[in-house]
Amino acid sequence: MNENGDRASSAVIANLRSRLADAEGALRAINAGEVDTLVVKCKNGLRVFTLESDEHAYRVLIESMNEGALTLTSKGVILYANGCFARLVNCPLEQVLGSSIHRFLKTGDQKSLRSQLSNSMLSGSKFRAFLRSGSESHRPVHFSIRPLKKVSAEIAAFGIVVTDLTEVQSLEERLRSLANRVVQAQECERNRLSIELHDNITQLLCAVVARSHGLASILAEQDARAQVEAIALREMLGSVAGEVERISRHLRPGVLHELGLIAVIRETIAIFSRSTGTPIRLVGERLSVELQAETELAMYRILQEAVKNVEKHACARNVLVRIRQLKSHIVLQITDDGVGFNAARRDAGYLGRDRLGLLGMHERATSVGGVLVITSARGAGTTIKASMPVRIPTTSALTRNGRSANLAG
């Protein structure tokens, strides 16, 4: 073949390769759902083929939604992702497709997702996690997982909706901060009332009791009947003074600062047992760590609310208060054998009309970085468990807690 023939053959081959590349590109676009209409040149002119299927509207919806959408294999390989998910992980969509979902999750969340996928084979599941968004930042998200029909005999696919919780988390933090400020305001007001009661009302009542004692002595020489009334009045005033002093101590437990948490726990359960006749037992171990004043106060308020709920609602025959020290936490647990309640529904019969008792305990715990867990069921009693962080032990802490931590068995 001469030189001109070689050139002609090369041009033909190049043209065929170009047309083949165009055809392959068109097929890939069609398979990917990127082409809605195809125009073909026929003998009778141009012909238009519409490629929209029944799934087209759903594809448009998924691509335009403000939540991430994924389909995964059972091993976590991303078969499909919409543009929103790519933006959530701050990664080009072409690098997301075909990769593992685990590359976008923290180590702990990777284990959680494997467990959730395993548990979602029949009914689906939901959980919170953190997505890696860029090199360092993590974005809080909510995964809603549903099983899809099997892609093949070996591979099961899952559909996942990923909701960005950044704004929700910000709102939760603001609400938590507000709740903490409310708790602090309550304590300030309680301190003010306690001081007013102790320094003014209690002293006035004591003065009246003293005057009534003198009056009873004078009346003894004149009218025996009047003396009896004066003595009864004196005793009544004494009871009122004692009740005001008790309220003052509950509003502002000064013994917390002097003797520590254990002494206040002992006093609280002793008062509860005397007033209700319900046996209450304290068990635990010697504390060797220093508790911050805020932590001690939070635990005391949680105990107060717990025993108040037992007295009002539980109808318990026995109550157990347990306190123990872990490496970095102190755990306070209050258990009763009363009627219990549906913890998931927060029954009004247990919480009272305002339903703020347990919510207040939760806020007390979270305000100092702790966690409160409530376990209950109707007829099975209730357990309230508060876990609070502690500081490194100091000599003063050992001395104070050692003096107050001789717990009853």
Protein backbone atom coordinates (compact mmCIF):
# COMPACT_ATOMS: atom_id res chain seq x y z
CA MET A 1 0.00 0.00 0.00
CA ASN A 2 1.33 3.43 -0.94
CA GLU A 3 1.76 6.39 1.34
CA ASN A 4 -1.56 7.98 0.38
CA GLY A 5 -3.41 4.76 1.14
CA ASP A 6 -1.83 4.53 4.58
CA ARG A 7 -2.91 8.04 5.37
CA ALA A 8 -6.49 7.35 4.29
CA SER A 9 -6.64 4.20 6.42
CA SER A 10 -5.30 6.06 9.43
CA ALA A 11 -7.93 8.78 9.02
CA VAL A 12 -10.71 6.20 8.81
CA ILE A 13 -9.46 4.42 11.92
CA ALA A 14 -9.21 7.72 13.80
CA ASN A 15 -12.74 8.63 12.76
CA LEU A 16 -14.08 5.26 13.88
CA ARG A 17 -12.31 5.53 17.23
CA SER A 18 -13.78 9.01 17.76
CA ARG A 19 -17.29 7.79 16.96
CA LEU A 20 -16.81 4.77 19.23
CA ALA A 21 -15.69 7.02 22.07
CA ASP A 22 -18.75 9.23 21.53
CA ALA A 23 -21.02 6.19 21.54
CA GLU A 24 -19.47 4.83 24.74
CA GLY A 25 -19.83 8.22 26.40
CA ALA A 26 -23.49 8.39 25.39
CA LEU A 27 -24.13 4.89 26.73
CA ARG A 28 -22.48 5.71 30.04
CA ALA A 29 -24.60 8.87 30.33
CA ILE A 30 -27.76 6.93 29.52
CA ASN A 31 -26.93 4.21 32.06
CA ALA A 32 -26.17 6.82 34.70
CA GLY A 33 -29.52 8.52 34.12
CA GLU A 34 -27.87 11.73 32.95
CA VAL A 35 -29.70 11.78 29.60
CA ASP A 36 -33.43 12.53 29.44
CA THR A 37 -33.82 12.86 25.62
CA LEU A 38 -31.90 11.37 22.67
CA VAL A 39 -31.97 12.82 19.12
CA VAL A 40 -31.13 10.30 16.31
CA LYS A 41 -30.63 11.08 12.62
CA CYS A 42 -32.72 8.67 10.52
CA LYS A 43 -33.58 8.34 6.79
CA ASN A 44 -36.69 10.44 7.30
CA GLY A 45 -34.87 13.12 9.31
CA LEU A 46 -34.23 13.68 13.01
CA ARG A 47 -36.11 11.53 15.51
CA VAL A 48 -36.47 12.32 19.22
CA PHE A 49 -36.47 9.52 21.81
CA THR A 50 -37.55 10.34 25.40
CA LEU A 51 -35.57 8.30 27.93
CA GLU A 52 -37.43 9.36 31.06
CA SER A 53 -38.60 6.34 33.05
CA ASP A 54 -40.88 5.99 36.04
CA GLU A 55 -37.82 6.48 38.24
CA HIS A 56 -36.93 9.85 36.71
CA ALA A 57 -39.18 11.87 39.03
CA TYR A 58 -37.81 10.05 42.06
CA ARG A 59 -34.22 10.66 40.91
CA VAL A 60 -34.92 14.38 40.52
CA LEU A 61 -36.51 14.44 43.98
CA ILE A 62 -33.58 12.68 45.62
CA GLU A 63 -31.04 14.91 43.92
CA SER A 64 -32.89 18.07 44.95
CA MET A 65 -33.55 17.09 48.59
CA ASN A 66 -31.66 18.80 51.42
CA GLU A 67 -30.66 15.51 53.02
CA GLY A 68 -28.01 13.04 52.02
CA ALA A 69 -29.18 9.86 50.29
CA LEU A 70 -27.17 6.64 49.91
CA THR A 71 -27.51 3.06 48.83
CA LEU A 72 -25.00 0.64 50.33
CA THR A 73 -24.03 -2.96 50.01
CA SER A 74 -24.04 -5.09 53.13
CA LYS A 75 -20.30 -4.40 53.45
CA GLY A 76 -20.80 -0.64 53.33
CA VAL A 77 -19.77 0.06 49.73
CA ILE A 78 -21.55 3.16 48.38
CA LEU A 79 -23.53 2.20 45.28
CA TYR A 80 -25.25 5.56 44.99
CA ALA A 81 -24.96 8.97 46.66
CA ASN A 82 -26.71 12.22 45.91
CA GLY A 83 -25.05 15.60 45.69
CA CYS A 84 -26.13 16.60 49.19
CA PHE A 85 -24.19 13.74 50.76
CA ALA A 86 -21.10 14.69 48.75
CA ARG A 87 -21.40 18.21 50.16
CA LEU A 88 -21.83 16.88 53.69
CA VAL A 89 -18.52 15.01 53.47
CA ASN A 90 -16.90 17.79 51.42
CA CYS A 91 -15.76 15.31 48.78
CA PRO A 92 -16.35 15.17 44.99
CA LEU A 93 -19.21 12.88 44.10
CA GLU A 94 -17.08 10.78 41.75
CA GLN A 95 -14.75 9.99 44.68
CA VAL A 96 -17.69 9.07 46.91
CA LEU A 97 -19.26 6.53 44.53
CA GLY A 98 -17.73 3.08 44.85
CA SER A 99 -15.89 3.90 48.07
CA SER A 100 -16.63 2.58 51.55
CA ILE A 101 -18.94 4.53 53.83
CA HIS A 102 -16.53 3.78 56.66
CA ARG A 103 -13.93 6.17 55.25
CA PHE A 104 -16.28 9.02 56.20
CA LEU A 105 -16.93 7.81 59.76
CA LYS A 106 -15.03 7.90 63.04
CA THR A 107 -13.74 4.56 64.34
CA GLY A 108 -16.45 4.15 66.98
CA ASP A 109 -19.18 5.03 64.48
CA GLN A 110 -17.82 2.50 62.00
CA LYS A 111 -18.50 -0.27 64.52
CA SER A 112 -21.94 1.16 65.23
CA LEU A 113 -22.81 1.23 61.52
CA ARG A 114 -21.76 -2.40 61.03
CA SER A 115 -24.00 -3.36 63.92
CA GLN A 116 -26.87 -1.23 62.60
CA LEU A 117 -26.60 -2.72 59.11
CA SER A 118 -26.67 -6.19 60.62
CA ASN A 119 -29.76 -5.31 62.69
CA SER A 120 -31.48 -3.51 59.81
CA MET A 121 -31.89 -6.53 57.54
CA LEU A 122 -35.60 -6.81 58.39
CA SER A 123 -36.98 -3.58 59.82
CA GLY A 124 -34.38 -0.83 59.58
CA SER A 125 -32.84 1.31 62.31
CA LYS A 126 -31.71 4.80 63.26
CA PHE A 127 -28.66 6.17 65.03
CA ARG A 128 -26.47 9.25 65.40
CA ALA A 129 -22.93 9.51 64.15
CA PHE A 130 -20.24 11.96 63.02
CA LEU A 131 -19.26 12.34 59.36
CA ARG A 132 -15.75 13.39 58.41
CA SER A 133 -16.21 16.66 56.57
CA GLY A 134 -12.80 17.56 55.21
CA SER A 135 -9.49 16.67 56.81
CA GLU A 136 -10.22 17.51 60.45
CA SER A 137 -13.81 18.58 61.06
CA HIS A 138 -16.65 16.23 61.96
CA ARG A 139 -20.31 16.87 61.27
CA PRO A 140 -23.07 15.42 63.52
CA VAL A 141 -25.63 13.51 61.47
CA HIS A 142 -28.58 11.17 61.88
CA PHE A 143 -28.67 7.91 59.88
CA SER A 144 -32.05 6.39 58.97
CA ILE A 145 -31.45 2.94 57.49
CA ARG A 146 -33.93 0.82 55.56
CA PRO A 147 -33.28 -2.52 53.83
CA LEU A 148 -33.88 -2.67 50.07
CA LYS A 149 -34.54 -5.68 47.88
CA LYS A 150 -31.50 -7.84 47.25
CA VAL A 151 -29.32 -6.76 44.36
CA SER A 152 -28.14 -10.35 43.96
CA ALA A 153 -28.15 -13.57 45.92
CA GLU A 154 -24.99 -12.50 47.76
CA ILE A 155 -25.38 -8.73 48.19
CA ALA A 156 -28.09 -7.00 50.22
CA ALA A 157 -28.55 -3.25 49.64
CA PHE A 158 -29.60 -0.59 52.12
CA GLY A 159 -31.13 2.80 51.59
CA ILE A 160 -29.92 5.49 53.97
CA VAL A 161 -31.09 9.03 54.56
CA VAL A 162 -28.42 11.19 56.22
CA THR A 163 -29.69 14.27 58.07
CA ASP A 164 -27.33 17.07 59.05
CA LEU A 165 -27.69 17.77 62.79
CA THR A 166 -25.31 20.73 62.99
CA GLU A 167 -28.10 23.23 63.62
CA VAL A 168 -29.92 20.79 65.90
CA GLN A 169 -26.78 20.26 67.96
CA SER A 170 -26.23 24.00 68.18
CA LEU A 171 -29.81 24.43 69.39
CA GLU A 172 -29.38 21.62 71.94
CA GLU A 173 -26.23 23.28 73.27
CA ARG A 174 -28.03 26.59 73.58
CA LEU A 175 -30.94 24.95 75.38
CA ARG A 176 -28.50 23.13 77.68
CA SER A 177 -26.74 26.40 78.41
CA LEU A 178 -30.08 28.06 79.14
CA ALA A 179 -31.11 25.19 81.43
CA ASN A 180 -27.79 25.49 83.26
CA ARG A 181 -28.35 29.20 83.76
CA VAL A 182 -31.86 28.49 85.06
CA VAL A 183 -30.44 25.97 87.53
CA GLN A 184 -27.85 28.50 88.70
CA ALA A 185 -30.55 31.15 89.08
CA GLN A 186 -32.63 28.71 91.13
CA GLU A 187 -29.70 28.02 93.44
CA CYS A 188 -29.03 31.73 93.91
CA GLU A 189 -32.68 32.32 94.77
CA ARG A 190 -32.70 29.34 97.13
CA ASN A 191 -29.61 30.69 98.88
CA ARG A 192 -31.25 34.09 99.25
CA LEU A 193 -34.45 32.59 100.67
CA SER A 194 -32.46 30.35 102.99
CA ILE A 195 -30.55 33.31 104.40
CA GLU A 196 -33.76 35.30 104.81
CA LEU A 197 -35.46 32.44 106.62
CA HIS A 198 -32.49 31.70 108.86
CA ASP A 199 -31.46 35.24 109.70
CA ASN A 200 -34.90 36.82 110.00
CA ILE A 201 -37.88 34.47 110.27
CA THR A 202 -36.21 31.79 112.41
CA GLN A 203 -34.75 34.34 114.82
CA LEU A 204 -38.09 36.11 115.17
CA LEU A 205 -39.82 32.81 115.87
CA CYS A 206 -37.22 31.92 118.49
CA ALA A 207 -37.81 35.30 120.16
CA VAL A 208 -41.57 34.68 120.19
CA VAL A 209 -41.01 31.24 121.73
CA ALA A 210 -38.89 32.81 124.48
CA ARG A 211 -41.54 35.45 125.17
CA SER A 212 -44.28 32.81 125.27
CA HIS A 213 -42.21 30.87 127.82
CA GLY A 214 -42.10 33.94 130.03
CA LEU A 215 -45.81 34.47 129.54
CA ALA A 216 -46.53 30.90 130.62
CA SER A 217 -44.54 31.47 133.85
CA ILE A 218 -46.51 34.62 134.66
CA LEU A 219 -49.87 33.01 133.94
CA ALA A 220 -49.03 30.09 136.25
CA GLU A 221 -49.59 32.41 139.22
CA GLN A 222 -52.91 33.77 137.93
CA ASP A 223 -54.81 31.36 135.65
CA ALA A 224 -53.96 27.69 135.22
CA ARG A 225 -56.11 27.37 132.11
CA ALA A 226 -54.40 30.30 130.43
CA GLN A 227 -51.06 28.77 131.32
CA VAL A 228 -51.98 25.56 129.49
CA GLU A 229 -52.89 27.54 126.38
CA ALA A 230 -49.64 29.52 126.59
CA ILE A 231 -47.60 26.32 126.85
CA ALA A 232 -49.42 24.84 123.84
CA LEU A 233 -48.78 28.03 121.90
CA ARG A 234 -45.10 27.88 122.83
CA GLU A 235 -44.81 24.29 121.61
CA MET A 236 -46.59 25.16 118.38
CA LEU A 237 -44.25 28.07 117.77
CA GLY A 238 -41.31 25.79 118.49
CA SER A 239 -42.55 23.34 115.85
CA VAL A 240 -42.96 26.16 113.33
CA ALA A 241 -39.43 27.39 114.06
CA GLY A 242 -38.08 23.87 113.56
CA GLU A 243 -39.96 23.47 110.25
CA VAL A 244 -38.66 26.80 108.97
CA GLU A 245 -35.13 25.78 109.91
CA ARG A 246 -35.58 22.46 108.08
CA ILE A 247 -36.78 24.25 104.95
CA SER A 248 -33.84 26.61 105.22
CA ARG A 249 -31.38 23.71 105.39
CA HIS A 250 -32.95 22.06 102.34
CA LEU A 251 -32.79 25.28 100.37
CA ARG A 252 -29.12 25.78 101.18
CA PRO A 253 -27.38 22.65 102.58
CA GLY A 254 -24.44 24.29 104.36
CA VAL A 255 -23.27 20.87 105.55
CA LEU A 256 -22.17 20.15 101.95
CA HIS A 257 -19.38 22.68 102.33
CA GLU A 258 -18.44 21.49 105.79
CA LEU A 259 -18.69 17.69 105.75
CA GLY A 260 -19.30 16.74 102.12
CA LEU A 261 -21.81 14.71 100.14
CA ILE A 262 -22.02 11.59 102.31
CA ALA A 263 -23.10 13.52 105.42
CA VAL A 264 -25.91 15.18 103.47
CA ILE A 265 -27.00 11.85 102.00
CA ARG A 266 -27.18 10.36 105.50
CA GLU A 267 -29.24 13.26 106.80
CA THR A 268 -31.59 13.20 103.78
CA ILE A 269 -32.36 9.49 103.99
CA ALA A 270 -32.78 9.68 107.77
CA ILE A 271 -35.39 12.43 107.38
CA PHE A 272 -37.12 10.46 104.63
CA SER A 273 -37.26 7.29 106.73
CA ARG A 274 -38.65 9.15 109.77
CA SER A 275 -41.31 11.02 107.81
CA THR A 276 -42.52 8.10 105.65
CA GLY A 277 -41.76 5.02 107.75
CA THR A 278 -40.24 3.41 104.63
CA PRO A 279 -36.94 1.58 105.24
CA ILE A 280 -34.08 3.12 103.27
CA ARG A 281 -30.56 1.69 103.20
CA LEU A 282 -27.27 3.34 102.25
CA VAL A 283 -24.44 1.21 100.87
CA GLY A 284 -21.18 2.10 99.17
CA GLU A 285 -17.50 2.62 99.66
CA ARG A 286 -15.13 5.21 101.06
CA LEU A 287 -14.58 8.11 98.68
CA SER A 288 -10.99 9.13 97.98
CA VAL A 289 -11.54 11.89 95.46
CA GLU A 290 -12.49 15.52 95.70
CA LEU A 291 -15.89 16.45 94.37
CA GLN A 292 -16.45 19.91 93.00
CA ALA A 293 -19.04 21.95 94.87
CA GLU A 294 -21.27 21.97 91.78
CA THR A 295 -21.06 18.18 91.49
CA GLU A 296 -21.94 17.63 95.16
CA LEU A 297 -24.86 20.02 94.85
CA ALA A 298 -26.12 18.31 91.67
CA MET A 299 -26.00 14.88 93.33
CA TYR A 300 -27.77 16.21 96.42
CA ARG A 301 -30.56 17.78 94.34
CA ILE A 302 -30.96 14.56 92.34
CA LEU A 303 -31.24 12.58 95.59
CA GLN A 304 -33.76 15.09 96.92
CA GLU A 305 -35.97 14.80 93.85
CA ALA A 306 -35.64 11.01 93.74
CA VAL A 307 -36.74 10.42 97.34
CA LYS A 308 -39.53 12.99 96.91
CA ASN A 309 -40.84 11.03 93.93
CA VAL A 310 -40.61 7.81 95.94
CA GLU A 311 -42.61 9.39 98.77
CA LYS A 312 -45.30 10.85 96.47
CA HIS A 313 -45.71 8.25 93.76
CA ALA A 314 -43.81 4.99 94.19
CA CYS A 315 -45.65 3.32 97.11
CA ALA A 316 -42.36 1.52 97.77
CA ARG A 317 -41.70 -0.88 100.63
CA ASN A 318 -37.91 -0.56 100.45
CA VAL A 319 -35.42 1.95 99.06
CA LEU A 320 -31.71 1.47 98.42
CA VAL A 321 -29.23 4.31 97.95
CA ARG A 322 -25.85 3.23 96.62
CA ILE A 323 -22.79 5.40 96.01
CA ARG A 324 -19.55 4.12 94.53
CA GLN A 325 -16.35 5.49 93.12
CA LEU A 326 -14.97 4.54 89.71
CA LYS A 327 -11.70 5.69 88.16
CA SER A 328 -12.99 9.03 86.96
CA HIS A 329 -16.62 9.08 88.10
CA ILE A 330 -18.81 8.93 91.17
CA VAL A 331 -22.04 6.98 90.70
CA LEU A 332 -25.15 7.65 92.80
CA GLN A 333 -27.97 5.12 92.40
CA ILE A 334 -31.43 5.22 94.00
CA THR A 335 -33.55 2.06 93.63
CA ASP A 336 -37.07 1.42 94.93
CA ASP A 337 -39.42 -1.57 94.70
CA GLY A 338 -42.50 0.56 94.09
CA VAL A 339 -45.15 0.62 91.38
CA GLY A 340 -42.77 1.93 88.70
CA PHE A 341 -43.84 3.75 85.55
CA ASN A 342 -43.37 3.70 81.78
CA ALA A 343 -40.04 5.50 81.47
CA ALA A 344 -40.44 5.89 77.71
CA ARG A 345 -43.80 7.66 78.04
CA ARG A 346 -42.95 9.59 81.20
CA ASP A 347 -46.26 8.73 82.90
CA ALA A 348 -47.95 11.66 84.59
CA GLY A 349 -48.83 9.41 87.54
CA TYR A 350 -45.20 9.24 88.54
CA LEU A 351 -43.95 12.65 87.45
CA GLY A 352 -46.82 14.76 88.68
CA ARG A 353 -48.82 17.20 86.63
CA ASP A 354 -45.90 19.41 85.61
CA ARG A 355 -43.72 16.45 84.58
CA LEU A 356 -40.61 18.44 85.45
CA GLY A 357 -39.12 16.23 88.18
CA LEU A 358 -37.12 13.83 86.02
CA LEU A 359 -36.32 16.53 83.49
CA GLY A 360 -34.85 18.60 86.30
CA MET A 361 -32.67 15.67 87.38
CA HIS A 362 -31.41 15.22 83.82
CA GLU A 363 -30.50 18.90 83.63
CA ARG A 364 -28.73 18.74 86.99
CA ALA A 365 -26.57 15.89 85.74
CA THR A 366 -25.73 17.39 82.35
CA SER A 367 -24.94 20.80 83.89
CA VAL A 368 -21.82 19.30 85.52
CA GLY A 369 -20.87 16.99 82.64
CA GLY A 370 -22.63 13.95 84.09
CA VAL A 371 -25.16 11.43 82.82
CA LEU A 372 -28.50 10.38 84.31
CA VAL A 373 -30.14 7.06 83.36
CA ILE A 374 -33.65 6.13 84.51
CA THR A 375 -34.85 2.52 84.35
CA SER A 376 -38.43 1.70 85.24
CA ALA A 377 -41.44 -0.37 84.27
CA ARG A 378 -44.90 -0.66 85.71
CA GLY A 379 -44.88 -2.99 88.68
CA ALA A 380 -41.09 -3.39 88.58
CA GLY A 381 -39.87 -0.40 90.59
CA THR A 382 -37.53 2.39 89.49
CA THR A 383 -33.77 2.90 89.39
CA ILE A 384 -32.20 6.33 88.97
CA LYS A 385 -28.47 6.27 88.23
CA ALA A 386 -26.39 9.46 88.14
CA SER A 387 -22.74 9.34 87.05
CA MET A 388 -20.60 12.45 87.65
CA PRO A 389 -16.96 13.22 86.76
CA VAL A 390 -14.47 13.86 89.57
CA ARG A 391 -11.13 15.61 89.98
CA ILE A 392 -7.74 14.17 90.93
CA PRO A 393 -7.55 13.30 94.65
CA THR A 394 -6.06 15.85 97.04
CA THR A 395 -5.06 15.68 100.71
CA SER A 396 -7.98 17.85 101.77
CA ALA A 397 -10.39 15.67 99.81
CA LEU A 398 -9.07 12.52 101.47
CA THR A 399 -9.44 14.09 104.89
CA ARG A 400 -12.93 15.45 104.34
CA ASN A 401 -14.35 12.42 102.55
CA GLY A 402 -12.63 10.07 104.94
CA ARG A 403 -14.45 11.76 107.82
CA SER A 404 -17.82 11.53 106.10
CA ALA A 405 -17.67 8.32 104.11
CA ASN A 406 -18.25 5.66 106.76
CA LEU A 407 -21.27 4.23 104.97
CA ALA A 408 -23.85 1.93 106.46
CA GLY A 409 -23.83 -1.64 105.23
